[in-house]
Amino acid sequence: MIPRPDRSFGASSSLPPPPPDATAPWGRFSAHRAATGRGSVPRRPDLPPRRSRLVIAFFTSLVLLVVATVSFFVVREIRDHGEYAFLDRQDGVPLAWDPCTPIRYVVNEALAPEGTGEDLSEAIARLEEASGLDFVDAGRVDWTVEEYLGSGAAIRAADGGVTWAPVLIGWEDSASFRDEPNAYGGANVLPGTGAWRDRYVGGFVVMNADQSLPAGFDSDGSWGPAFQHELGHLVGLDHVESRREVMAPAHFPPWPTDYGEGDRRGLARLGRIACHEGTPPPPVPFAGEAPLSDPVPVR
């Protein structure tokens, strides 16, 4: 048993170190407890006091409750209002086409499976309805996507000048895709200058002509929603995880057969971007071997 300190030491005097206590299961008392003689039951030094443990447990439970509550509302928000994402942002604003300028597009039908032209037209109409963007069919071409990109996405205008090419939509065989997915779409970005924001001024949608997809929009994995997905990329939407949206990567069925609530909310935002004043400048300097030929007018 540890002896009580002798009163002759005084309050300010140093105490000799207490001897080890063989009866203490967790080691020996602290010098402070030996000096004051408070209590006779040793405390385990590596455990916080009971009150501290209760406080820690309370705050841990509170944090877990907050996380669970936030997760619940996030899941409900996705379920009730859908999920969407954008490919690019600038100063917090989604990168988009000028909603006050029609988006001209051309089609290369050389490898188009039978009936897909109608599905493409319907997909564009649904995109216009959801976004408010205006698409204009500028004709038919024989361009490939390699020629399109190699030309700097430019065409020779009727007045002899160079201007931005319309969006190219077409089909290519499986050999052209290699390790790529069965379809892809993208847009050309024109960097902003001064007060002008960056914006999309061109782009392409390329589908794998060798895919065996059903026509229409009424069945899983049909041509219609496949067009909607790639056209969504064209105007600025990115992939999402929710399987309720057309913009979810098409890895596993079931696939949606039309734009979901989140898709529509994202498209509506892209269609409400402030309009740009004036017209975009032509590609300068010209970055291709030669401008593309003029599109053939729609028959």
Protein backbone atom coordinates (compact mmCIF):
# COMPACT_ATOMS: atom_id res chain seq x y z
CA MET A 1 0.00 0.00 0.00
CA ILE A 2 1.31 3.44 -0.92
CA PRO A 3 1.97 5.54 2.23
CA ARG A 4 0.25 8.91 2.56
CA PRO A 5 2.63 11.85 2.13
CA ASP A 6 4.08 13.38 5.31
CA ARG A 7 2.52 16.76 6.10
CA SER A 8 5.97 18.18 6.78
CA PHE A 9 6.70 18.42 3.07
CA GLY A 10 4.32 21.36 2.71
CA ALA A 11 2.14 22.25 -0.29
CA SER A 12 5.00 23.61 -2.36
CA SER A 13 7.57 20.96 -1.67
CA SER A 14 8.48 18.20 -4.11
CA LEU A 15 7.37 14.72 -3.33
CA PRO A 16 9.53 11.67 -3.73
CA PRO A 17 8.27 9.30 -6.43
CA PRO A 18 5.86 6.74 -5.02
CA PRO A 19 6.92 3.12 -4.99
CA PRO A 20 5.29 0.64 -7.36
CA ASP A 21 2.05 -0.84 -6.12
CA ALA A 22 1.91 -4.54 -6.87
CA THR A 23 -1.82 -4.57 -6.20
CA ALA A 24 -2.66 -2.02 -8.95
CA PRO A 25 -3.79 -4.01 -11.99
CA TRP A 26 -3.05 -1.27 -14.59
CA GLY A 27 0.33 -0.11 -13.25
CA ARG A 28 0.88 2.55 -10.64
CA PHE A 29 -0.95 5.74 -9.71
CA SER A 30 0.04 9.06 -11.15
CA ALA A 31 2.29 11.21 -8.96
CA HIS A 32 -0.61 13.63 -8.48
CA ARG A 33 -2.93 10.98 -7.07
CA ALA A 34 -0.21 9.60 -4.78
CA ALA A 35 0.57 13.09 -3.53
CA THR A 36 -3.03 14.07 -2.76
CA GLY A 37 -3.98 10.67 -1.46
CA ARG A 38 -7.32 10.81 -3.32
CA GLY A 39 -8.93 7.44 -3.62
CA SER A 40 -7.48 4.03 -3.46
CA VAL A 41 -8.75 2.47 -6.72
CA PRO A 42 -6.45 2.94 -9.71
CA ARG A 43 -7.82 4.15 -13.09
CA ARG A 44 -6.81 2.72 -16.41
CA PRO A 45 -4.73 5.50 -17.97
CA ASP A 46 -5.59 4.72 -21.64
CA LEU A 47 -9.37 5.16 -21.22
CA PRO A 48 -10.99 8.63 -21.18
CA PRO A 49 -13.23 9.50 -18.24
CA ARG A 50 -16.81 8.23 -18.37
CA ARG A 51 -18.22 11.67 -19.15
CA SER A 52 -15.80 12.05 -22.09
CA ARG A 53 -16.81 8.67 -23.47
CA LEU A 54 -20.47 9.65 -23.29
CA VAL A 55 -19.77 12.92 -25.11
CA ILE A 56 -17.80 11.10 -27.83
CA ALA A 57 -20.58 8.53 -28.23
CA PHE A 58 -23.20 11.28 -28.45
CA PHE A 59 -21.40 13.24 -31.16
CA THR A 60 -20.57 10.06 -33.12
CA SER A 61 -24.26 9.13 -33.10
CA LEU A 62 -25.16 12.66 -34.15
CA VAL A 63 -22.75 12.56 -37.11
CA LEU A 64 -24.11 9.17 -38.24
CA LEU A 65 -27.66 10.50 -37.99
CA VAL A 66 -26.80 13.55 -40.12
CA VAL A 67 -25.07 11.39 -42.75
CA ALA A 68 -28.05 9.02 -42.90
CA THR A 69 -30.50 11.92 -43.19
CA VAL A 70 -28.53 13.63 -45.97
CA SER A 71 -28.17 10.34 -47.84
CA PHE A 72 -31.92 9.75 -47.58
CA PHE A 73 -32.78 13.14 -49.04
CA VAL A 74 -30.14 12.85 -51.78
CA VAL A 75 -31.54 9.47 -52.83
CA ARG A 76 -35.09 10.82 -52.71
CA GLU A 77 -34.05 13.88 -54.75
CA ILE A 78 -32.54 11.63 -57.42
CA ARG A 79 -35.59 9.34 -57.38
CA ASP A 80 -38.19 12.14 -57.49
CA HIS A 81 -36.42 14.78 -59.56
CA GLY A 82 -33.81 12.83 -61.50
CA GLU A 83 -30.06 13.14 -61.90
CA TYR A 84 -28.08 15.07 -64.48
CA ALA A 85 -24.50 16.23 -65.03
CA PHE A 86 -22.66 18.49 -67.48
CA LEU A 87 -19.55 17.75 -69.51
CA ASP A 88 -17.96 21.15 -68.83
CA ARG A 89 -18.52 24.27 -66.76
CA GLN A 90 -17.07 27.74 -66.88
CA ASP A 91 -17.30 29.86 -63.73
CA GLY A 92 -20.02 27.51 -62.50
CA VAL A 93 -22.11 27.87 -65.66
CA PRO A 94 -22.58 24.80 -67.92
CA LEU A 95 -20.81 25.00 -71.26
CA ALA A 96 -23.48 25.04 -73.97
CA TRP A 97 -24.53 26.03 -77.45
CA ASP A 98 -25.88 29.52 -78.04
CA PRO A 99 -29.62 28.94 -77.49
CA CYS A 100 -30.47 31.88 -79.77
CA THR A 101 -28.64 30.38 -82.78
CA PRO A 102 -30.04 27.30 -84.58
CA ILE A 103 -27.79 24.24 -84.54
CA ARG A 104 -27.25 23.13 -88.12
CA TYR A 105 -26.57 19.44 -88.73
CA VAL A 106 -25.81 17.20 -91.69
CA VAL A 107 -26.20 13.43 -92.05
CA ASN A 108 -24.02 10.83 -93.74
CA GLU A 109 -26.50 8.06 -94.60
CA ALA A 110 -24.08 5.78 -96.47
CA LEU A 111 -24.08 3.05 -93.79
CA ALA A 112 -27.35 3.85 -92.05
CA PRO A 113 -29.35 0.72 -91.14
CA GLU A 114 -32.87 0.68 -92.53
CA GLY A 115 -35.32 2.77 -90.55
CA THR A 116 -32.77 4.59 -88.44
CA GLY A 117 -33.30 7.88 -90.29
CA GLU A 118 -36.80 8.14 -88.83
CA ASP A 119 -35.53 7.33 -85.34
CA LEU A 120 -32.88 10.03 -85.66
CA SER A 121 -35.46 12.63 -86.67
CA GLU A 122 -37.70 11.70 -83.74
CA ALA A 123 -34.75 11.78 -81.30
CA ILE A 124 -33.85 15.30 -82.48
CA ALA A 125 -37.47 16.40 -82.09
CA ARG A 126 -37.52 15.08 -78.50
CA LEU A 127 -34.24 16.86 -77.77
CA GLU A 128 -35.66 20.13 -79.10
CA GLU A 129 -38.78 19.74 -76.97
CA ALA A 130 -36.79 19.04 -73.79
CA SER A 131 -34.11 21.71 -74.26
CA GLY A 132 -35.72 24.47 -76.29
CA LEU A 133 -32.74 24.34 -78.68
CA ASP A 134 -33.48 24.61 -82.39
CA PHE A 135 -31.97 22.09 -84.84
CA VAL A 136 -31.92 22.67 -88.60
CA ASP A 137 -31.31 19.88 -91.15
CA ALA A 138 -28.62 21.34 -93.46
CA GLY A 139 -28.41 18.41 -95.91
CA ARG A 140 -26.59 15.17 -96.70
CA VAL A 141 -22.83 14.66 -96.95
CA ASP A 142 -20.25 11.98 -97.58
CA TRP A 143 -17.91 13.17 -94.83
CA THR A 144 -16.38 10.71 -92.38
CA VAL A 145 -15.65 11.74 -88.81
CA GLU A 146 -11.90 11.56 -89.56
CA GLU A 147 -12.35 14.02 -92.44
CA TYR A 148 -14.53 16.19 -90.25
CA LEU A 149 -11.94 16.41 -87.49
CA GLY A 150 -9.02 16.69 -89.91
CA SER A 151 -10.61 19.65 -91.63
CA GLY A 152 -10.75 21.67 -88.44
CA ALA A 153 -14.56 21.25 -88.56
CA ALA A 154 -14.71 23.87 -91.31
CA ILE A 155 -16.36 24.12 -94.72
CA ARG A 156 -15.88 26.41 -97.68
CA ALA A 157 -18.81 28.81 -97.68
CA ALA A 158 -20.65 29.91 -100.82
CA ASP A 159 -18.81 33.26 -100.79
CA GLY A 160 -15.45 31.49 -100.79
CA GLY A 161 -14.73 32.06 -97.12
CA VAL A 162 -14.27 29.45 -94.42
CA THR A 163 -16.96 28.89 -91.81
CA TRP A 164 -17.79 26.41 -89.08
CA ALA A 165 -19.14 23.11 -90.37
CA PRO A 166 -22.54 21.85 -89.24
CA VAL A 167 -22.77 19.01 -86.75
CA LEU A 168 -22.00 15.68 -88.45
CA ILE A 169 -24.28 12.71 -87.72
CA GLY A 170 -23.49 9.36 -89.32
CA TRP A 171 -22.75 5.65 -89.05
CA GLU A 172 -19.50 3.74 -89.42
CA ASP A 173 -18.69 0.03 -89.37
CA SER A 174 -17.29 -1.84 -86.38
CA ALA A 175 -13.69 -1.64 -87.65
CA SER A 176 -13.79 2.13 -87.14
CA PHE A 177 -14.61 1.76 -83.44
CA ARG A 178 -11.96 -0.75 -82.31
CA ASP A 179 -11.88 -0.35 -78.50
CA GLU A 180 -14.37 2.50 -78.49
CA PRO A 181 -18.01 2.06 -77.41
CA ASN A 182 -20.65 1.40 -80.04
CA ALA A 183 -21.44 5.10 -80.41
CA TYR A 184 -19.93 8.40 -79.42
CA GLY A 185 -20.75 12.07 -79.61
CA GLY A 186 -18.97 15.29 -78.80
CA ALA A 187 -18.82 19.00 -79.50
CA ASN A 188 -16.20 21.50 -80.63
CA VAL A 189 -15.50 24.26 -78.11
CA LEU A 190 -14.86 27.83 -79.22
CA PRO A 191 -12.85 29.57 -76.47
CA GLY A 192 -14.37 32.81 -75.28
CA THR A 193 -12.65 36.17 -75.57
CA GLY A 194 -13.25 39.17 -73.36
CA ALA A 195 -16.76 39.06 -71.94
CA TRP A 196 -17.70 36.13 -74.18
CA ARG A 197 -17.96 32.70 -72.60
CA ASP A 198 -16.66 29.49 -74.14
CA ARG A 199 -19.33 27.78 -76.24
CA TYR A 200 -20.00 24.88 -78.54
CA VAL A 201 -19.92 25.65 -82.26
CA GLY A 202 -19.75 22.20 -83.89
CA GLY A 203 -19.67 18.52 -83.14
CA PHE A 204 -20.52 15.00 -84.26
CA VAL A 205 -22.52 11.90 -83.41
CA VAL A 206 -21.27 8.59 -84.80
CA MET A 207 -23.15 5.31 -84.44
CA ASN A 208 -21.94 1.75 -85.06
CA ALA A 209 -23.77 0.57 -88.18
CA ASP A 210 -23.17 -3.08 -87.27
CA GLN A 211 -25.20 -2.92 -84.06
CA SER A 212 -28.28 -5.13 -84.08
CA LEU A 213 -30.68 -2.77 -82.36
CA PRO A 214 -34.46 -2.76 -82.71
CA ALA A 215 -35.99 0.27 -84.38
CA GLY A 216 -38.03 2.83 -82.53
CA PHE A 217 -38.23 3.85 -78.87
CA ASP A 218 -40.45 1.21 -77.29
CA SER A 219 -37.96 -1.51 -76.37
CA ASP A 220 -34.78 -1.70 -74.29
CA GLY A 221 -31.62 -0.82 -76.18
CA SER A 222 -33.38 0.44 -79.31
CA TRP A 223 -32.01 2.96 -81.81
CA GLY A 224 -34.16 5.84 -80.55
CA PRO A 225 -32.76 6.10 -76.99
CA ALA A 226 -29.26 5.40 -78.35
CA PHE A 227 -29.58 8.54 -80.49
CA GLN A 228 -30.97 10.47 -77.52
CA HIS A 229 -27.97 9.49 -75.41
CA GLU A 230 -25.37 10.64 -77.96
CA LEU A 231 -27.29 13.80 -78.81
CA GLY A 232 -27.30 14.54 -75.06
CA HIS A 233 -23.49 14.46 -75.13
CA LEU A 234 -23.53 16.70 -78.19
CA VAL A 235 -25.37 19.47 -76.34
CA GLY A 236 -23.37 19.13 -73.11
CA LEU A 237 -24.77 16.38 -70.86
CA ASP A 238 -22.44 13.91 -69.14
CA HIS A 239 -23.04 10.38 -67.84
CA VAL A 240 -24.98 9.83 -64.61
CA GLU A 241 -25.40 6.78 -62.38
CA SER A 242 -29.20 6.73 -62.17
CA ARG A 243 -30.63 3.95 -64.34
CA ARG A 244 -33.78 6.03 -64.81
CA GLU A 245 -31.96 8.42 -67.14
CA VAL A 246 -31.05 8.04 -70.81
CA MET A 247 -27.64 9.54 -69.93
CA ALA A 248 -26.69 6.53 -67.81
CA PRO A 249 -23.99 4.44 -69.54
CA ALA A 250 -25.74 1.58 -71.33
CA HIS A 251 -23.87 -1.28 -69.66
CA PHE A 252 -26.73 -3.23 -68.14
CA PRO A 253 -30.47 -3.47 -68.88
CA PRO A 254 -33.11 -2.29 -68.39
CA TRP A 255 -32.50 0.84 -70.42
CA PRO A 256 -34.92 3.76 -70.41
CA THR A 257 -36.86 4.35 -73.61
CA ASP A 258 -37.03 8.16 -73.36
CA TYR A 259 -35.44 11.07 -71.51
CA GLY A 260 -35.92 10.79 -67.74
CA GLU A 261 -36.76 13.57 -65.32
CA GLY A 262 -33.09 14.32 -64.66
CA ASP A 263 -32.24 14.33 -68.37
CA ARG A 264 -35.00 16.86 -68.98
CA ARG A 265 -33.92 19.10 -66.13
CA GLY A 266 -30.34 19.14 -67.43
CA LEU A 267 -31.41 19.81 -71.01
CA ALA A 268 -33.70 22.62 -69.88
CA ARG A 269 -30.76 24.28 -68.09
CA LEU A 270 -28.62 24.04 -71.24
CA GLY A 271 -31.41 25.71 -73.21
CA ARG A 272 -31.67 28.61 -70.76
CA ILE A 273 -28.03 29.75 -71.00
CA ALA A 274 -27.78 33.46 -71.83
CA CYS A 275 -27.58 34.13 -75.56
CA HIS A 276 -24.34 35.28 -77.18
CA GLU A 277 -24.30 38.53 -79.10
CA GLY A 278 -23.08 38.44 -82.67
CA THR A 279 -21.93 35.39 -84.63
CA PRO A 280 -18.95 33.18 -83.79
CA PRO A 281 -15.83 33.92 -85.83
CA PRO A 282 -14.68 31.33 -88.39
CA PRO A 283 -11.87 28.88 -87.57
CA VAL A 284 -8.69 30.99 -87.47
CA PRO A 285 -6.05 29.98 -88.18
CA PHE A 286 -7.43 27.25 -90.44
CA ALA A 287 -6.20 23.97 -88.93
CA GLY A 288 -6.84 21.37 -91.59
CA GLU A 289 -5.71 20.11 -94.96
CA ALA A 290 -8.72 21.57 -96.74
CA PRO A 291 -12.23 22.71 -95.87
CA LEU A 292 -15.01 20.17 -96.33
CA SER A 293 -17.29 20.29 -99.34
CA ASP A 294 -20.67 21.98 -99.06
CA PRO A 295 -23.53 19.77 -97.84
CA VAL A 296 -26.03 18.53 -100.39
CA PRO A 297 -29.44 20.14 -99.71
CA VAL A 298 -32.07 17.93 -98.14
CA ARG A 299 -33.97 15.99 -100.80
